[in-house]
């Protein structure tokens, strides 16, 4: 009986991060699709849903307390801001050269992304594609 209780408790606690991420994905997909449809019709809804899902997943990784803490961390680092000529928005593709990317410290739990500063705005970037996945602070 004791083993069953321990196993069940372990399973529940192991599921919590996955559930938080899933909620972020669903909420992000819904919001992205709504915004995309409003801006660009049905095609915008599809693109917005995909980008929103990625962003929602990333927001789910930060958690409630981590996002403001990371924003404070990034501002204390005083990283050099890259002058970006386009609008700093989720989904924007950054150039391959000239932008410096920084690792997110492991304490924030976002291991697959990096951050940079564009036009004095901290953004989270997918290092494989150089696409902005979240705008952290302006």
C-alpha atoms as a PDB file:
ATOM      1  CA  UNK A   1       0.000   0.000   0.000  1.00  0.00           C
ATOM      2  CA  UNK A   2       2.825   2.380   0.908  1.00  0.00           C
ATOM      3  CA  UNK A   3       4.519   1.779  -2.452  1.00  0.00           C
ATOM      4  CA  UNK A   4       1.299   2.583  -4.338  1.00  0.00           C
ATOM      5  CA  UNK A   5       0.916   5.901  -2.493  1.00  0.00           C
ATOM      6  CA  UNK A   6       4.531   6.858  -3.178  1.00  0.00           C
ATOM      7  CA  UNK A   7       4.192   5.899  -6.850  1.00  0.00           C
ATOM      8  CA  UNK A   8       0.972   7.892  -7.248  1.00  0.00           C
ATOM      9  CA  UNK A   9       2.460  10.942  -5.510  1.00  0.00           C
ATOM     10  CA  UNK A  10       5.550  10.777  -7.729  1.00  0.00           C
ATOM     11  CA  UNK A  11       3.396  10.531 -10.846  1.00  0.00           C
ATOM     12  CA  UNK A  12       1.307  13.549  -9.843  1.00  0.00           C
ATOM     13  CA  UNK A  13       4.319  15.747  -9.085  1.00  0.00           C
ATOM     14  CA  UNK A  14       6.101  14.650 -12.264  1.00  0.00           C
ATOM     15  CA  UNK A  15       3.033  15.693 -14.307  1.00  0.00           C
ATOM     16  CA  UNK A  16       2.810  19.262 -13.025  1.00  0.00           C
ATOM     17  CA  UNK A  17       5.428  20.823 -15.382  1.00  0.00           C
ATOM     18  CA  UNK A  18       3.894  19.055 -18.375  1.00  0.00           C
ATOM     19  CA  UNK A  19       0.428  20.296 -17.464  1.00  0.00           C
ATOM     20  CA  UNK A  20       1.699  23.869 -17.109  1.00  0.00           C
ATOM     21  CA  UNK A  21       3.367  23.679 -20.516  1.00  0.00           C
ATOM     22  CA  UNK A  22       0.244  22.225 -22.111  1.00  0.00           C
ATOM     23  CA  UNK A  23      -1.893  25.037 -20.697  1.00  0.00           C
ATOM     24  CA  UNK A  24       0.545  27.580 -22.100  1.00  0.00           C
ATOM     25  CA  UNK A  25       0.437  25.931 -25.528  1.00  0.00           C
ATOM     26  CA  UNK A  26      -3.357  25.859 -25.667  1.00  0.00           C
ATOM     27  CA  UNK A  27      -3.783  29.422 -24.429  1.00  0.00           C
ATOM     28  CA  UNK A  28      -1.003  30.688 -26.740  1.00  0.00           C
ATOM     29  CA  UNK A  29      -2.480  28.920 -29.756  1.00  0.00           C
ATOM     30  CA  UNK A  30      -5.934  30.362 -29.107  1.00  0.00           C
ATOM     31  CA  UNK A  31      -4.664  33.914 -28.582  1.00  0.00           C
ATOM     32  CA  UNK A  32      -2.323  33.730 -31.593  1.00  0.00           C
ATOM     33  CA  UNK A  33      -5.092  32.458 -33.863  1.00  0.00           C
ATOM     34  CA  UNK A  34      -7.462  35.224 -32.710  1.00  0.00           C
ATOM     35  CA  UNK A  35      -4.853  37.944 -33.263  1.00  0.00           C
ATOM     36  CA  UNK A  36      -3.785  36.492 -36.618  1.00  0.00           C
ATOM     37  CA  UNK A  37      -7.372  36.244 -37.848  1.00  0.00           C
ATOM     38  CA  UNK A  38      -8.040  39.821 -36.805  1.00  0.00           C
ATOM     39  CA  UNK A  39      -4.927  41.076 -38.642  1.00  0.00           C
ATOM     40  CA  UNK A  40      -4.802  38.871 -41.748  1.00  0.00           C
ATOM     41  CA  UNK A  41      -7.907  36.707 -42.015  1.00  0.00           C
ATOM     42  CA  UNK A  42      -7.909  32.902 -42.169  1.00  0.00           C
ATOM     43  CA  UNK A  43      -4.253  32.554 -43.190  1.00  0.00           C
ATOM     44  CA  UNK A  44      -3.269  34.898 -40.357  1.00  0.00           C
ATOM     45  CA  UNK A  45      -5.219  32.686 -37.961  1.00  0.00           C
ATOM     46  CA  UNK A  46      -3.208  29.626 -38.990  1.00  0.00           C
ATOM     47  CA  UNK A  47       0.153  31.396 -38.736  1.00  0.00           C
ATOM     48  CA  UNK A  48      -0.863  33.168 -35.517  1.00  0.00           C
ATOM     49  CA  UNK A  49      -1.965  29.874 -33.975  1.00  0.00           C
ATOM     50  CA  UNK A  50       1.396  28.243 -34.644  1.00  0.00           C
ATOM     51  CA  UNK A  51       3.439  31.198 -33.377  1.00  0.00           C
ATOM     52  CA  UNK A  52       1.088  31.609 -30.412  1.00  0.00           C
ATOM     53  CA  UNK A  53       1.473  27.938 -29.529  1.00  0.00           C
ATOM     54  CA  UNK A  54       5.250  28.264 -29.477  1.00  0.00           C
ATOM     55  CA  UNK A  55       5.029  31.416 -27.391  1.00  0.00           C
ATOM     56  CA  UNK A  56       2.493  29.891 -25.012  1.00  0.00           C
ATOM     57  CA  UNK A  57       4.784  26.916 -24.520  1.00  0.00           C
ATOM     58  CA  UNK A  58       7.708  29.195 -23.750  1.00  0.00           C
ATOM     59  CA  UNK A  59       5.617  31.275 -21.327  1.00  0.00           C
ATOM     60  CA  UNK A  60       4.554  28.037 -19.652  1.00  0.00           C
ATOM     61  CA  UNK A  61       8.220  27.163 -19.121  1.00  0.00           C
ATOM     62  CA  UNK A  62       9.003  30.414 -17.333  1.00  0.00           C
ATOM     63  CA  UNK A  63       6.243  29.982 -14.795  1.00  0.00           C
ATOM     64  CA  UNK A  64       4.552  32.708 -12.816  1.00  0.00           C
ATOM     65  CA  UNK A  65       7.535  33.763 -10.700  1.00  0.00           C
ATOM     66  CA  UNK A  66      10.313  33.130 -13.222  1.00  0.00           C
ATOM     67  CA  UNK A  67       9.212  35.576 -15.929  1.00  0.00           C
ATOM     68  CA  UNK A  68       9.563  38.753 -13.808  1.00  0.00           C
ATOM     69  CA  UNK A  69      12.770  37.395 -12.255  1.00  0.00           C
ATOM     70  CA  UNK A  70      14.253  36.774 -15.702  1.00  0.00           C
ATOM     71  CA  UNK A  71      13.198  40.254 -16.866  1.00  0.00           C
ATOM     72  CA  UNK A  72      15.051  41.724 -13.847  1.00  0.00           C
ATOM     73  CA  UNK A  73      18.073  39.513 -14.517  1.00  0.00           C
ATOM     74  CA  UNK A  74      18.271  40.578 -18.173  1.00  0.00           C
ATOM     75  CA  UNK A  75      18.042  44.274 -17.314  1.00  0.00           C
ATOM     76  CA  UNK A  76      20.789  43.942 -14.657  1.00  0.00           C
ATOM     77  CA  UNK A  77      23.102  42.325 -17.230  1.00  0.00           C
ATOM     78  CA  UNK A  78      23.175  45.574 -19.287  1.00  0.00           C
ATOM     79  CA  UNK A  79      23.702  43.724 -22.576  1.00  0.00           C
ATOM     80  CA  UNK A  80      24.508  45.825 -25.633  1.00  0.00           C
ATOM     81  CA  UNK A  81      21.382  46.512 -27.678  1.00  0.00           C
ATOM     82  CA  UNK A  82      21.463  45.608 -31.353  1.00  0.00           C
ATOM     83  CA  UNK A  83      19.840  48.148 -33.683  1.00  0.00           C
ATOM     84  CA  UNK A  84      17.134  46.161 -35.454  1.00  0.00           C
ATOM     85  CA  UNK A  85      15.505  47.946 -38.389  1.00  0.00           C
ATOM     86  CA  UNK A  86      12.280  45.905 -38.409  1.00  0.00           C
ATOM     87  CA  UNK A  87       9.543  45.715 -35.774  1.00  0.00           C
ATOM     88  CA  UNK A  88      10.479  43.678 -32.683  1.00  0.00           C
ATOM     89  CA  UNK A  89       7.641  41.138 -32.652  1.00  0.00           C
ATOM     90  CA  UNK A  90       7.147  37.439 -32.030  1.00  0.00           C
ATOM     91  CA  UNK A  91       7.927  35.479 -35.170  1.00  0.00           C
ATOM     92  CA  UNK A  92      10.418  38.007 -36.573  1.00  0.00           C
ATOM     93  CA  UNK A  93      13.512  36.440 -38.105  1.00  0.00           C
ATOM     94  CA  UNK A  94      16.809  37.924 -36.900  1.00  0.00           C
ATOM     95  CA  UNK A  95      19.905  38.224 -39.084  1.00  0.00           C
ATOM     96  CA  UNK A  96      22.581  35.523 -38.910  1.00  0.00           C
ATOM     97  CA  UNK A  97      25.366  38.045 -38.288  1.00  0.00           C
ATOM     98  CA  UNK A  98      25.733  40.972 -35.913  1.00  0.00           C
ATOM     99  CA  UNK A  99      23.294  39.895 -33.191  1.00  0.00           C
ATOM    100  CA  UNK A 100      24.833  38.507 -29.991  1.00  0.00           C
ATOM    101  CA  UNK A 101      22.848  35.730 -28.300  1.00  0.00           C
ATOM    102  CA  UNK A 102      23.159  34.889 -24.604  1.00  0.00           C
ATOM    103  CA  UNK A 103      22.300  31.712 -22.742  1.00  0.00           C
ATOM    104  CA  UNK A 104      19.386  31.809 -20.315  1.00  0.00           C
ATOM    105  CA  UNK A 105      20.733  30.738 -16.881  1.00  0.00           C
ATOM    106  CA  UNK A 106      19.588  27.230 -15.956  1.00  0.00           C
ATOM    107  CA  UNK A 107      17.739  28.494 -12.874  1.00  0.00           C
ATOM    108  CA  UNK A 108      14.997  29.839 -15.186  1.00  0.00           C
ATOM    109  CA  UNK A 109      14.356  26.417 -16.752  1.00  0.00           C
ATOM    110  CA  UNK A 110      14.413  27.577 -20.389  1.00  0.00           C
ATOM    111  CA  UNK A 111      17.179  25.425 -21.877  1.00  0.00           C
ATOM    112  CA  UNK A 112      16.370  25.430 -25.581  1.00  0.00           C
ATOM    113  CA  UNK A 113      16.280  29.195 -26.074  1.00  0.00           C
ATOM    114  CA  UNK A 114      18.642  32.147 -25.834  1.00  0.00           C
ATOM    115  CA  UNK A 115      18.009  35.816 -25.351  1.00  0.00           C
ATOM    116  CA  UNK A 116      19.247  39.017 -26.889  1.00  0.00           C
ATOM    117  CA  UNK A 117      18.470  42.726 -26.743  1.00  0.00           C
ATOM    118  CA  UNK A 118      17.052  44.511 -29.781  1.00  0.00           C
ATOM    119  CA  UNK A 119      16.280  48.237 -29.725  1.00  0.00           C
ATOM    120  CA  UNK A 120      16.464  48.122 -25.890  1.00  0.00           C
ATOM    121  CA  UNK A 121      13.949  45.254 -25.836  1.00  0.00           C
ATOM    122  CA  UNK A 122      14.839  41.845 -24.353  1.00  0.00           C
ATOM    123  CA  UNK A 123      13.616  38.970 -26.502  1.00  0.00           C
ATOM    124  CA  UNK A 124      13.765  35.186 -26.296  1.00  0.00           C
ATOM    125  CA  UNK A 125      15.079  33.553 -29.476  1.00  0.00           C
ATOM    126  CA  UNK A 126      15.167  30.054 -30.928  1.00  0.00           C
ATOM    127  CA  UNK A 127      18.921  29.632 -31.569  1.00  0.00           C
ATOM    128  CA  UNK A 128      18.345  27.167 -34.427  1.00  0.00           C
ATOM    129  CA  UNK A 129      16.217  29.522 -36.505  1.00  0.00           C
ATOM    130  CA  UNK A 130      17.032  32.963 -35.004  1.00  0.00           C
ATOM    131  CA  UNK A 131      13.289  33.584 -34.744  1.00  0.00           C
ATOM    132  CA  UNK A 132      11.874  35.649 -31.860  1.00  0.00           C
ATOM    133  CA  UNK A 133       9.628  33.415 -29.740  1.00  0.00           C
ATOM    134  CA  UNK A 134       8.840  35.882 -26.949  1.00  0.00           C
ATOM    135  CA  UNK A 135       9.211  39.572 -26.164  1.00  0.00           C
ATOM    136  CA  UNK A 136      10.223  39.768 -22.503  1.00  0.00           C
ATOM    137  CA  UNK A 137      10.559  43.477 -21.748  1.00  0.00           C
ATOM    138  CA  UNK A 138      10.523  46.821 -23.495  1.00  0.00           C
END
